[in-house]
Each structure stands twice: as structure tokens, then as C-alpha cells.
Amino acid sequence: MEIPGLGPVTEDDCDGLVSAPIEVPVLGGCPLPFHVDGYQDDPAQEDFHAAVRAFLALDRTALDAAAPAVFDYYRHMGEIFGDELDDFPRIAGPGTVWDHVTFARHQVTVSRDGDGEPVYVSVEAECEWEEEHGLQVVFREGARVTKVGPYDGHLTNGTDTVYERF
């Protein structure tokens, strides 16, 4: 099977589809496989194509726009753990927060949150300030960041806030 924008995909062990690694411009060209959930039975597969197309068209400015929310996540974790850990990173502000995030070694997930919902593109990353849960960045319809925070597998946080403290 082939998905526009992703090329040939194969079935994985969880009934999803996975592509070969594809360079992702918004992530600095980092090559990551795309895992696509729910595509085969979805009556509106074009929504997936559009989300992939939009996501692959993004450049670094999409992450730069989300940097203040990611920095809020960092500061929240600093309030919890910063005094306890000698190696907790010191990040001056949103402009340098992405220097402490690594997208390699993960995948891009493309899926819906439920029937009739938009298609979301979710990326898991490692971050220096939260080794256990890392960082999840979610792009609604592949076009804009709508959620950042610890990786929890959810595509929305139930609010209009990009980062919400839990």
C-alpha cells in the first residue's frame, strides 16, 4: 500500500501502517518513520493526506511559535524537580529551549482522536528536563502546534491552551 506524501507503507504489529524514515523539515530534516493509525478503514483518507502534506511543508518557525509553551513545560518541571537534581538543565528562555530536545529515535504518528475528529500529527521527543515522560508535540491537521507537554499519547488536552499544567 502507498500513502501520498509517505510512499510505500507496511503493516505493523498494532494494525497501523508505517513508512520508511522521511526527512521532516520542521524537525531540522531529522529522518523519522511515520506511523499511521486508522487510515485503512477511514472514509476520509484525504484528511490524512492533507495533514501529512501540511506537516511536511512546515519549517522551523512552527516550532519557534511553540517555544514559549515548551519553555512553560520546562519551568513547571523545574518547579517540581529543579532543586532535587544537580544535572537539571538551566535554560535561559524560550529561544534556547529547543537546544535541549532530541527528536531522533522516535516516530511521527498520524491519527484521529475519534470519528469525525481532525487528523493530528504527534511527535514524541526526548528532553533534558524530563527523561521519564519526554516531550510530545501535537500538530492539528499537521499545520500548527496545538499541544505540548509530557508524552501521554493524547492528541488534545481538553482546552484551547497549548500547554496546560497538570
N, C-alpha and C. Protein backbone atom coordinates (compact mmCIF):
# COMPACT_ATOMS: atom_id res chain seq x y z
N MET A 1 0.84 -1.17 0.00
CA MET A 1 0.00 0.00 0.00
C MET A 1 0.89 1.24 0.00
N GLU A 2 0.38 2.32 -0.56
CA GLU A 2 1.10 3.58 -0.61
C GLU A 2 0.20 4.71 -0.12
N ILE A 3 0.78 5.61 0.68
CA ILE A 3 0.05 6.78 1.17
C ILE A 3 0.72 8.00 0.56
N PRO A 4 -0.07 8.88 -0.10
CA PRO A 4 0.52 10.08 -0.69
C PRO A 4 1.32 10.88 0.34
N GLY A 5 2.51 11.26 -0.04
CA GLY A 5 3.40 12.02 0.83
C GLY A 5 4.33 11.14 1.65
N LEU A 6 3.91 9.89 1.86
CA LEU A 6 4.73 8.97 2.66
C LEU A 6 5.34 7.85 1.84
N GLY A 7 4.75 7.58 0.69
CA GLY A 7 5.24 6.49 -0.14
C GLY A 7 4.75 5.15 0.37
N PRO A 8 5.49 4.08 0.07
CA PRO A 8 5.06 2.74 0.50
C PRO A 8 5.02 2.62 2.02
N VAL A 9 4.00 1.96 2.51
CA VAL A 9 3.87 1.70 3.94
C VAL A 9 3.61 0.21 4.14
N THR A 10 3.98 -0.28 5.30
CA THR A 10 3.74 -1.68 5.65
C THR A 10 2.95 -1.73 6.94
N GLU A 11 2.26 -2.84 7.15
CA GLU A 11 1.51 -3.01 8.39
C GLU A 11 2.48 -3.28 9.53
N ASP A 12 2.15 -2.74 10.69
CA ASP A 12 2.96 -3.03 11.87
C ASP A 12 2.20 -4.00 12.78
N ASP A 13 2.75 -4.27 13.93
CA ASP A 13 2.15 -5.23 14.85
C ASP A 13 0.87 -4.75 15.50
N CYS A 14 0.57 -3.44 15.41
CA CYS A 14 -0.60 -2.87 16.09
C CYS A 14 -1.69 -2.48 15.10
N ASP A 15 -1.74 -3.11 13.95
CA ASP A 15 -2.73 -2.83 12.90
C ASP A 15 -2.63 -1.43 12.32
N GLY A 16 -1.51 -0.79 12.49
CA GLY A 16 -1.26 0.50 11.87
C GLY A 16 -0.38 0.32 10.66
N LEU A 17 -0.03 1.41 10.03
CA LEU A 17 0.85 1.40 8.87
C LEU A 17 2.08 2.22 9.20
N VAL A 18 3.22 1.81 8.68
CA VAL A 18 4.46 2.52 8.96
C VAL A 18 5.25 2.73 7.67
N SER A 19 5.82 3.93 7.55
CA SER A 19 6.62 4.28 6.38
C SER A 19 8.10 4.09 6.70
N ALA A 20 8.90 4.16 5.67
CA ALA A 20 10.34 4.28 5.86
C ALA A 20 10.61 5.65 6.45
N PRO A 21 11.78 5.87 7.05
CA PRO A 21 12.10 7.21 7.56
C PRO A 21 12.04 8.26 6.45
N ILE A 22 11.44 9.40 6.80
CA ILE A 22 11.28 10.53 5.88
C ILE A 22 11.86 11.76 6.57
N GLU A 23 12.63 12.55 5.83
CA GLU A 23 13.18 13.77 6.40
C GLU A 23 12.04 14.74 6.71
N VAL A 24 12.04 15.28 7.92
CA VAL A 24 10.98 16.16 8.39
C VAL A 24 11.55 17.57 8.54
N PRO A 25 11.23 18.48 7.62
CA PRO A 25 11.81 19.83 7.65
C PRO A 25 11.59 20.58 8.96
N VAL A 26 10.41 20.50 9.55
CA VAL A 26 10.13 21.24 10.78
C VAL A 26 11.02 20.75 11.93
N LEU A 27 11.52 19.52 11.82
CA LEU A 27 12.39 18.96 12.85
C LEU A 27 13.86 19.02 12.41
N GLY A 28 14.18 19.97 11.56
CA GLY A 28 15.55 20.15 11.11
C GLY A 28 16.02 19.10 10.13
N GLY A 29 15.10 18.44 9.45
CA GLY A 29 15.46 17.41 8.47
C GLY A 29 15.69 16.05 9.08
N CYS A 30 15.39 15.90 10.34
CA CYS A 30 15.56 14.62 11.04
C CYS A 30 14.71 13.55 10.32
N PRO A 31 15.31 12.43 9.90
CA PRO A 31 14.53 11.39 9.25
C PRO A 31 13.82 10.50 10.28
N LEU A 32 12.50 10.44 10.18
CA LEU A 32 11.71 9.63 11.10
C LEU A 32 10.68 8.81 10.33
N PRO A 33 10.40 7.59 10.80
CA PRO A 33 9.29 6.84 10.20
C PRO A 33 7.96 7.46 10.62
N PHE A 34 6.97 7.34 9.78
CA PHE A 34 5.61 7.79 10.08
C PHE A 34 4.77 6.57 10.40
N HIS A 35 4.08 6.61 11.52
CA HIS A 35 3.15 5.56 11.92
C HIS A 35 1.75 6.12 11.74
N VAL A 36 0.93 5.46 10.93
CA VAL A 36 -0.40 5.97 10.59
C VAL A 36 -1.44 5.01 11.17
N ASP A 37 -2.28 5.53 12.07
CA ASP A 37 -3.32 4.73 12.73
C ASP A 37 -4.69 5.05 12.15
N GLY A 38 -5.48 4.02 11.87
CA GLY A 38 -6.86 4.19 11.46
C GLY A 38 -7.07 4.56 10.01
N TYR A 39 -6.04 4.59 9.23
CA TYR A 39 -6.12 5.03 7.84
C TYR A 39 -6.93 4.09 6.97
N GLN A 40 -6.67 2.80 7.09
CA GLN A 40 -7.27 1.83 6.17
C GLN A 40 -8.79 1.82 6.19
N ASP A 41 -9.39 2.02 7.35
CA ASP A 41 -10.84 1.97 7.47
C ASP A 41 -11.50 3.35 7.49
N ASP A 42 -10.72 4.39 7.34
CA ASP A 42 -11.25 5.75 7.44
C ASP A 42 -11.92 6.15 6.13
N PRO A 43 -13.16 6.64 6.19
CA PRO A 43 -13.86 7.04 4.97
C PRO A 43 -13.33 8.34 4.35
N ALA A 44 -12.52 9.09 5.10
CA ALA A 44 -11.99 10.36 4.61
C ALA A 44 -10.46 10.32 4.64
N GLN A 45 -9.88 9.42 3.88
CA GLN A 45 -8.43 9.26 3.86
C GLN A 45 -7.72 10.53 3.38
N GLU A 46 -8.40 11.34 2.60
CA GLU A 46 -7.79 12.60 2.13
C GLU A 46 -7.41 13.49 3.31
N ASP A 47 -8.12 13.39 4.44
CA ASP A 47 -7.76 14.17 5.63
C ASP A 47 -6.34 13.80 6.10
N PHE A 48 -6.00 12.53 6.01
CA PHE A 48 -4.66 12.08 6.38
C PHE A 48 -3.64 12.64 5.40
N HIS A 49 -3.96 12.56 4.10
CA HIS A 49 -3.05 13.08 3.07
C HIS A 49 -2.79 14.57 3.31
N ALA A 50 -3.86 15.32 3.59
CA ALA A 50 -3.73 16.77 3.80
C ALA A 50 -2.89 17.07 5.04
N ALA A 51 -3.09 16.31 6.12
CA ALA A 51 -2.31 16.53 7.34
C ALA A 51 -0.83 16.23 7.11
N VAL A 52 -0.54 15.15 6.40
CA VAL A 52 0.85 14.81 6.10
C VAL A 52 1.47 15.89 5.23
N ARG A 53 0.75 16.31 4.22
CA ARG A 53 1.23 17.36 3.30
C ARG A 53 1.52 18.65 4.07
N ALA A 54 0.60 19.06 4.93
CA ALA A 54 0.77 20.28 5.71
C ALA A 54 1.96 20.16 6.66
N PHE A 55 2.08 19.03 7.32
CA PHE A 55 3.17 18.81 8.26
C PHE A 55 4.53 18.84 7.57
N LEU A 56 4.63 18.18 6.44
CA LEU A 56 5.90 18.15 5.72
C LEU A 56 6.25 19.49 5.07
N ALA A 57 5.27 20.38 4.97
CA ALA A 57 5.52 21.72 4.42
C ALA A 57 5.98 22.72 5.48
N LEU A 58 5.85 22.36 6.76
CA LEU A 58 6.24 23.28 7.83
C LEU A 58 7.74 23.45 7.90
N ASP A 59 8.15 24.63 8.35
CA ASP A 59 9.57 24.84 8.62
C ASP A 59 9.74 25.12 10.11
N ARG A 60 10.92 25.49 10.49
CA ARG A 60 11.26 25.65 11.91
C ARG A 60 10.41 26.72 12.62
N THR A 61 9.80 27.63 11.87
CA THR A 61 9.01 28.68 12.51
C THR A 61 7.83 28.10 13.28
N ALA A 62 7.33 26.93 12.89
CA ALA A 62 6.23 26.29 13.63
C ALA A 62 6.68 25.90 15.03
N LEU A 63 7.91 25.40 15.15
CA LEU A 63 8.43 25.07 16.47
C LEU A 63 8.77 26.33 17.26
N ASP A 64 9.31 27.33 16.57
CA ASP A 64 9.63 28.58 17.24
C ASP A 64 8.38 29.20 17.88
N ALA A 65 7.26 29.09 17.19
CA ALA A 65 6.00 29.63 17.72
C ALA A 65 5.55 28.89 18.98
N ALA A 66 5.93 27.62 19.08
CA ALA A 66 5.54 26.81 20.25
C ALA A 66 6.56 26.89 21.37
N ALA A 67 7.71 27.52 21.14
CA ALA A 67 8.77 27.56 22.14
C ALA A 67 8.33 28.12 23.50
N PRO A 68 7.52 29.19 23.56
CA PRO A 68 7.09 29.66 24.88
C PRO A 68 6.29 28.60 25.66
N ALA A 69 5.47 27.82 24.99
CA ALA A 69 4.70 26.78 25.67
C ALA A 69 5.63 25.66 26.14
N VAL A 70 6.61 25.30 25.33
CA VAL A 70 7.57 24.27 25.73
C VAL A 70 8.41 24.77 26.91
N PHE A 71 8.77 26.05 26.87
CA PHE A 71 9.51 26.63 27.99
C PHE A 71 8.67 26.62 29.26
N ASP A 72 7.36 26.86 29.16
CA ASP A 72 6.48 26.75 30.33
C ASP A 72 6.50 25.35 30.91
N TYR A 73 6.49 24.34 30.03
CA TYR A 73 6.60 22.94 30.48
C TYR A 73 7.91 22.73 31.22
N TYR A 74 9.01 23.21 30.63
CA TYR A 74 10.32 23.11 31.28
C TYR A 74 10.29 23.77 32.67
N ARG A 75 9.76 25.00 32.75
CA ARG A 75 9.73 25.71 34.04
C ARG A 75 8.89 24.96 35.06
N HIS A 76 7.78 24.40 34.62
CA HIS A 76 6.93 23.62 35.52
C HIS A 76 7.71 22.43 36.09
N MET A 77 8.44 21.73 35.24
CA MET A 77 9.22 20.60 35.72
C MET A 77 10.35 21.08 36.63
N GLY A 78 10.89 22.26 36.34
CA GLY A 78 11.92 22.84 37.20
C GLY A 78 11.38 23.13 38.59
N GLU A 79 10.12 23.58 38.67
CA GLU A 79 9.49 23.84 39.97
C GLU A 79 9.36 22.55 40.76
N ILE A 80 9.15 21.44 40.06
CA ILE A 80 8.97 20.15 40.73
C ILE A 80 10.32 19.51 41.08
N PHE A 81 11.25 19.49 40.12
CA PHE A 81 12.48 18.71 40.27
C PHE A 81 13.77 19.52 40.30
N GLY A 82 13.74 20.77 39.90
CA GLY A 82 14.96 21.54 39.71
C GLY A 82 15.89 21.57 40.90
N ASP A 83 15.37 21.70 42.10
CA ASP A 83 16.23 21.76 43.28
C ASP A 83 16.74 20.39 43.69
N GLU A 84 16.07 19.34 43.25
CA GLU A 84 16.44 17.98 43.65
C GLU A 84 17.53 17.38 42.77
N LEU A 85 17.67 17.87 41.55
CA LEU A 85 18.58 17.27 40.59
C LEU A 85 19.74 18.21 40.27
N ASP A 86 20.95 17.73 40.50
CA ASP A 86 22.13 18.54 40.20
C ASP A 86 22.30 18.77 38.71
N ASP A 87 21.82 17.82 37.91
CA ASP A 87 22.02 17.92 36.46
C ASP A 87 20.80 18.48 35.73
N PHE A 88 19.86 19.08 36.46
CA PHE A 88 18.70 19.68 35.81
C PHE A 88 19.21 20.84 34.95
N PRO A 89 18.86 20.85 33.66
CA PRO A 89 19.41 21.87 32.78
C PRO A 89 18.95 23.28 33.16
N ARG A 90 19.78 24.23 32.86
CA ARG A 90 19.44 25.63 33.05
C ARG A 90 19.21 26.22 31.67
N ILE A 91 17.96 26.56 31.38
CA ILE A 91 17.59 27.09 30.07
C ILE A 91 17.17 28.54 30.28
N ALA A 92 17.81 29.44 29.56
CA ALA A 92 17.62 30.88 29.77
C ALA A 92 16.24 31.36 29.35
N GLY A 93 15.66 30.79 28.30
CA GLY A 93 14.37 31.27 27.83
C GLY A 93 13.89 30.47 26.65
N PRO A 94 12.73 30.83 26.12
CA PRO A 94 12.14 30.10 25.00
C PRO A 94 13.04 29.99 23.78
N GLY A 95 13.90 30.98 23.58
CA GLY A 95 14.76 30.99 22.41
C GLY A 95 15.78 29.87 22.37
N THR A 96 16.06 29.24 23.51
CA THR A 96 17.04 28.15 23.54
C THR A 96 16.46 26.82 23.99
N VAL A 97 15.17 26.77 24.22
CA VAL A 97 14.57 25.54 24.75
C VAL A 97 14.72 24.36 23.79
N TRP A 98 14.65 24.61 22.48
CA TRP A 98 14.75 23.50 21.52
C TRP A 98 16.15 22.91 21.47
N ASP A 99 17.15 23.62 21.99
CA ASP A 99 18.51 23.07 22.05
C ASP A 99 18.60 21.89 23.01
N HIS A 100 17.58 21.70 23.82
CA HIS A 100 17.57 20.66 24.84
C HIS A 100 16.57 19.54 24.51
N VAL A 101 16.17 19.48 23.24
CA VAL A 101 15.19 18.49 22.78
C VAL A 101 15.80 17.70 21.63
N THR A 102 15.56 16.38 21.64
CA THR A 102 16.05 15.49 20.58
C THR A 102 14.88 14.71 20.00
N PHE A 103 14.66 14.85 18.69
CA PHE A 103 13.57 14.14 18.03
C PHE A 103 13.99 12.78 17.47
N ALA A 104 15.29 12.58 17.28
CA ALA A 104 15.77 11.32 16.72
C ALA A 104 15.36 10.16 17.63
N ARG A 105 15.30 8.99 17.08
CA ARG A 105 14.99 7.74 17.79
C ARG A 105 13.50 7.56 18.07
N HIS A 106 12.67 8.39 17.48
CA HIS A 106 11.23 8.24 17.69
C HIS A 106 10.53 8.17 16.35
N GLN A 107 9.23 8.37 16.34
CA GLN A 107 8.44 8.32 15.11
C GLN A 107 7.43 9.44 15.11
N VAL A 108 6.86 9.68 13.95
CA VAL A 108 5.77 10.63 13.80
C VAL A 108 4.50 9.79 13.71
N THR A 109 3.49 10.13 14.50
CA THR A 109 2.23 9.39 14.47
C THR A 109 1.15 10.27 13.86
N VAL A 110 0.40 9.70 12.92
CA VAL A 110 -0.69 10.41 12.25
C VAL A 110 -1.97 9.64 12.56
N SER A 111 -2.95 10.31 13.19
CA SER A 111 -4.18 9.61 13.59
C SER A 111 -5.28 10.62 13.91
N ARG A 112 -6.47 10.08 14.06
CA ARG A 112 -7.61 10.87 14.53
C ARG A 112 -7.80 10.60 16.01
N ASP A 113 -8.45 11.53 16.70
CA ASP A 113 -8.77 11.35 18.11
C ASP A 113 -10.09 10.59 18.26
N GLY A 114 -10.86 10.50 17.19
CA GLY A 114 -12.15 9.81 17.19
C GLY A 114 -12.85 10.06 15.87
N ASP A 115 -13.92 9.35 15.63
CA ASP A 115 -14.66 9.51 14.38
C ASP A 115 -15.08 10.96 14.18
N GLY A 116 -14.82 11.47 13.00
CA GLY A 116 -15.22 12.83 12.66
C GLY A 116 -14.30 13.90 13.20
N GLU A 117 -13.31 13.53 13.98
CA GLU A 117 -12.37 14.50 14.55
C GLU A 117 -11.29 14.81 13.51
N PRO A 118 -10.56 15.89 13.71
CA PRO A 118 -9.46 16.21 12.80
C PRO A 118 -8.36 15.14 12.87
N VAL A 119 -7.50 15.15 11.87
CA VAL A 119 -6.31 14.30 11.90
C VAL A 119 -5.21 15.10 12.59
N TYR A 120 -4.52 14.46 13.50
CA TYR A 120 -3.42 15.08 14.23
C TYR A 120 -2.11 14.39 13.88
N VAL A 121 -1.05 15.15 13.92
CA VAL A 121 0.29 14.62 13.76
C VAL A 121 0.99 14.82 15.10
N SER A 122 1.46 13.73 15.69
CA SER A 122 2.07 13.78 17.01
C SER A 122 3.52 13.30 16.93
N VAL A 123 4.39 14.04 17.59
CA VAL A 123 5.81 13.69 17.60
C VAL A 123 6.27 13.58 19.05
N GLU A 124 6.91 12.47 19.35
CA GLU A 124 7.50 12.28 20.67
C GLU A 124 8.98 12.65 20.58
N ALA A 125 9.49 13.24 21.65
CA ALA A 125 10.89 13.63 21.69
C ALA A 125 11.45 13.39 23.07
N GLU A 126 12.76 13.37 23.14
CA GLU A 126 13.44 13.34 24.42
C GLU A 126 13.79 14.77 24.78
N CYS A 127 13.68 15.08 26.07
CA CYS A 127 14.07 16.42 26.51
C CYS A 127 14.91 16.27 27.77
N GLU A 128 15.85 17.16 27.95
CA GLU A 128 16.79 17.07 29.06
C GLU A 128 16.15 17.29 30.42
N TRP A 129 15.00 17.92 30.46
CA TRP A 129 14.40 18.25 31.75
C TRP A 129 13.38 17.22 32.22
N GLU A 130 13.01 16.25 31.39
CA GLU A 130 12.02 15.24 31.80
C GLU A 130 12.32 13.94 31.08
N GLU A 131 13.29 13.18 31.61
CA GLU A 131 13.73 11.97 30.94
C GLU A 131 12.69 10.88 30.93
N GLU A 132 11.84 10.81 31.93
CA GLU A 132 10.85 9.72 32.01
C GLU A 132 9.72 9.88 30.99
N HIS A 133 9.11 11.05 30.91
CA HIS A 133 7.95 11.26 30.04
C HIS A 133 8.28 12.01 28.76
N GLY A 134 9.44 12.61 28.68
CA GLY A 134 9.85 13.31 27.47
C GLY A 134 8.94 14.46 27.11
N LEU A 135 8.79 14.66 25.81
CA LEU A 135 8.01 15.77 25.27
C LEU A 135 7.15 15.25 24.13
N GLN A 136 5.92 15.66 24.10
CA GLN A 136 5.01 15.37 22.99
C GLN A 136 4.60 16.70 22.36
N VAL A 137 4.72 16.76 21.04
CA VAL A 137 4.31 17.95 20.29
C VAL A 137 3.25 17.49 19.31
N VAL A 138 2.05 18.09 19.38
CA VAL A 138 0.93 17.69 18.54
C VAL A 138 0.55 18.83 17.60
N PHE A 139 0.39 18.47 16.33
CA PHE A 139 0.03 19.43 15.29
C PHE A 139 -1.37 19.09 14.78
N ARG A 140 -2.33 19.97 14.99
CA ARG A 140 -3.68 19.75 14.49
C ARG A 140 -3.67 19.88 12.97
N GLU A 141 -4.22 18.87 12.32
CA GLU A 141 -4.27 18.79 10.86
C GLU A 141 -2.88 18.97 10.25
N GLY A 142 -1.85 18.69 11.04
CA GLY A 142 -0.48 18.78 10.57
C GLY A 142 0.03 20.19 10.40
N ALA A 143 -0.80 21.18 10.69
CA ALA A 143 -0.48 22.56 10.31
C ALA A 143 0.03 23.45 11.43
N ARG A 144 -0.39 23.21 12.67
CA ARG A 144 0.03 24.10 13.76
C ARG A 144 0.05 23.33 15.07
N VAL A 145 0.95 23.74 15.93
CA VAL A 145 1.08 23.09 17.23
C VAL A 145 -0.11 23.46 18.09
N THR A 146 -0.78 22.44 18.62
CA THR A 146 -1.94 22.68 19.49
C THR A 146 -1.77 22.05 20.86
N LYS A 147 -0.69 21.28 21.06
CA LYS A 147 -0.46 20.68 22.37
C LYS A 147 1.02 20.38 22.52
N VAL A 148 1.59 20.74 23.66
CA VAL A 148 2.92 20.31 24.06
C VAL A 148 2.85 19.91 25.52
N GLY A 149 3.74 19.03 25.91
CA GLY A 149 3.81 18.60 27.30
C GLY A 149 4.43 17.23 27.39
N PRO A 150 4.30 16.59 28.55
CA PRO A 150 4.85 15.25 28.69
C PRO A 150 4.14 14.30 27.74
N TYR A 151 4.86 13.31 27.25
CA TYR A 151 4.23 12.37 26.33
C TYR A 151 3.20 11.56 27.11
N ASP A 152 1.94 11.68 26.69
CA ASP A 152 0.86 10.91 27.32
C ASP A 152 0.02 10.17 26.28
N GLY A 153 0.35 10.34 25.00
CA GLY A 153 -0.37 9.65 23.94
C GLY A 153 -1.68 10.31 23.54
N HIS A 154 -2.13 11.31 24.30
CA HIS A 154 -3.37 12.01 23.97
C HIS A 154 -3.08 13.09 22.93
N LEU A 155 -4.04 13.35 22.07
CA LEU A 155 -3.85 14.32 21.00
C LEU A 155 -4.34 15.71 21.36
N THR A 156 -5.15 15.82 22.37
CA THR A 156 -5.62 17.12 22.86
C THR A 156 -5.53 17.10 24.38
N ASN A 157 -5.58 18.28 24.98
CA ASN A 157 -5.58 18.35 26.43
C ASN A 157 -6.94 18.82 26.96
N GLY A 158 -7.91 18.90 26.08
CA GLY A 158 -9.25 19.27 26.50
C GLY A 158 -9.48 20.76 26.65
N THR A 159 -8.47 21.57 26.32
CA THR A 159 -8.62 23.02 26.40
C THR A 159 -8.07 23.63 25.12
N ASP A 160 -8.15 24.92 25.04
CA ASP A 160 -7.55 25.63 23.91
C ASP A 160 -6.13 26.06 24.21
N THR A 161 -5.61 25.68 25.37
CA THR A 161 -4.27 26.05 25.78
C THR A 161 -3.27 25.05 25.21
N VAL A 162 -2.18 25.54 24.61
CA VAL A 162 -1.17 24.65 24.04
C VAL A 162 -0.50 23.84 25.13
N TYR A 163 -0.14 24.46 26.24
CA TYR A 163 0.43 23.72 27.38
C TYR A 163 -0.39 24.05 28.60
N GLU A 164 -0.84 23.02 29.27
CA GLU A 164 -1.63 23.19 30.48
C GLU A 164 -0.97 22.38 31.59
N ARG A 165 -0.72 22.98 32.71
CA ARG A 165 -0.12 22.25 33.83
C ARG A 165 -1.12 21.23 34.38
N PHE A 166 -0.59 20.08 34.73
CA PHE A 166 -1.47 19.01 35.23
C PHE A 166 -1.35 18.87 36.71
